[in-house]
């Protein structure tokens, strides 16, 4: 199996340091790029070895013995004997481990902690087992990102990255294991805190500001440091696009205090964490000229291009804008004057998967190459339930025939959609991650995947099923009606209102209005109708023929509503790093919060078009 590039250190005279450092960086990048070439050229061999290694080291764990694997390590036997599972199947074992059972139930290595899911994927927080060595694999994947990026954007080592990174306070299971989000685990690890100097991980935010558990103090201090070092910043970002936009909105609300601190070389008294204050005051010095510059920019009527105005050397924004995050692209373009939006990696609490080898591609063209050393990957083909609805059918449990349909990493077909299945070093065996991917190309023998959606995230009133991709496309079509009024959709979510008969879809919209011209009610009614026209034929049949679905409703909410929603989710244990606005809500307190902040509501004024049969039959 190709070896991961080793970390090296070189002792050189100080006067030659810059030259040697540059050469070391060049050599390191070459090794990493060669590693990518090796593992993508020998993908099936690597995958076969990964599975054999996982099974060999865990040969005697209870879970594998339960199904009679009996130490066999060949791929054929593993796929014949071991079932494809969901979290619910594994939950009894997870519960035993979380309650303190330290026997080798699923993994020969001790479970070091649990990684919690984001809380907004399918509505459940899940506990994912992990082991200490997984930090090495995550660190490896991170180490691949910048050498790839360096092929497209030069001289990134000559400046800093302004990244808004946060931790979540952790909990303990009854058995004493820590349970926390994967990014909190990584940021609190020695791999991050004690990382050797690397120009690619040279951030404007000191570790102390990232590791501050108070989200306000963390955000304020990170923004303050980022502003003070504005000329050094070459790239900006956060984990998700929504998180970066939240940082910009924080700046909109607090630039006066921030300018005051920069002018005087101080830090606001509300920042009380001693370690944060000490770390920030090592950076901040009185700079009235910079404070005046920031104040002038923030006072302007428009915040269009604020990123490139305040951080003029920024070359790109590093955030996830795939999947439902794509709806933030117009807002990011507005704030940045169209800087490249870069999606670098694909990861989850279960496993880190792969990287984007063409990081400057359009967001709609982002594809991830799975790194075959990370885990053993299998793929369940996705079947469309109906060509006219384009909806995805993902069975909750698989029969024997469906399990036999699973294919290996090298056997996927271009253009086909699959559900991702993983077997990890930490004790997940043939586990359904819940992501739907489409094969978009190949890097050598390794396939590249476009993220389609999370499976089974839908709105439904009757027999209709609307997944998040279809909803996103419908909303995208509808917001075109707002363009003439300089209005932008900031955020949205939805729910199926069954309180009246027939039930109907409700969308909550938060808008940003950049003009004073009021938007006529008829425009919002057109938005409602456009959404309905964009939905599948089953939905439209329910509206027109069956009368089983009522007119779609849009509710306009007050500015800041979705920040309140995020704050509520964080107060209930969600991670600020991993938080994603849910595209469909069912939890009654959330619906009550949204309804309490509704200022206007509109309905479709007429039914959408619908005729029996397939659309193509009537062309």
Foldseek 3Di string as FASTA:
>chain_A
DDDFDDDDDDDDDPVCVVVVVVVVVVVLLVRLVVSLQVCQQCVVVLLLVQQLVLCQQLVPAQVCVVQPPNNDRGPVSQLQGDFFDELVVCVVVVLCVLQAPQGRHFAPATQQAWAWFQCQFVNDIGTATDHPCQLVVVLSQVSNFVSLVCVPDPDLLQFAELEQAAFADWDGGNNGGIYGHPSNVNLPDCCNLVPDDDSHHHHLAHSVLRHDNDNVLSLLLSVLSCLLRLQRHAEYEAAAPLLVVVSVVVCLVCLVQSLVCLQALAHDPVNDDVVSRVVSSVRHDHDNPSSVQLVVQSPDLAQFQVSCSSRVNYQAYEYQCADLNVLCVVVVCRNRVHHQYFDFFDATSNWGFFTFSCGRDHNVPTKTFGRSNTFWKKWQFWDQPDPQQSATDDDPGDDPVSSVRIDGQLPDDAQTKTFIFTDGSRRGRRYGPQWIWHFHQGDNSGTITGTDYGPPQFADQDPDTHHRNLLSVLLVQLCVLVVVQQKGFPDKAWEWAPVDFLIEIEMETEMDGSDDDDDDLVSVLSSQQSSQQSGGQVSLCCVPPVVSYDWYKYFYFYPCLVVVVVVVVSVVPRTSSNDDPRRYDDDVVSVVSSVVGTDDMHTHPDGHDHDPDHPVVVD
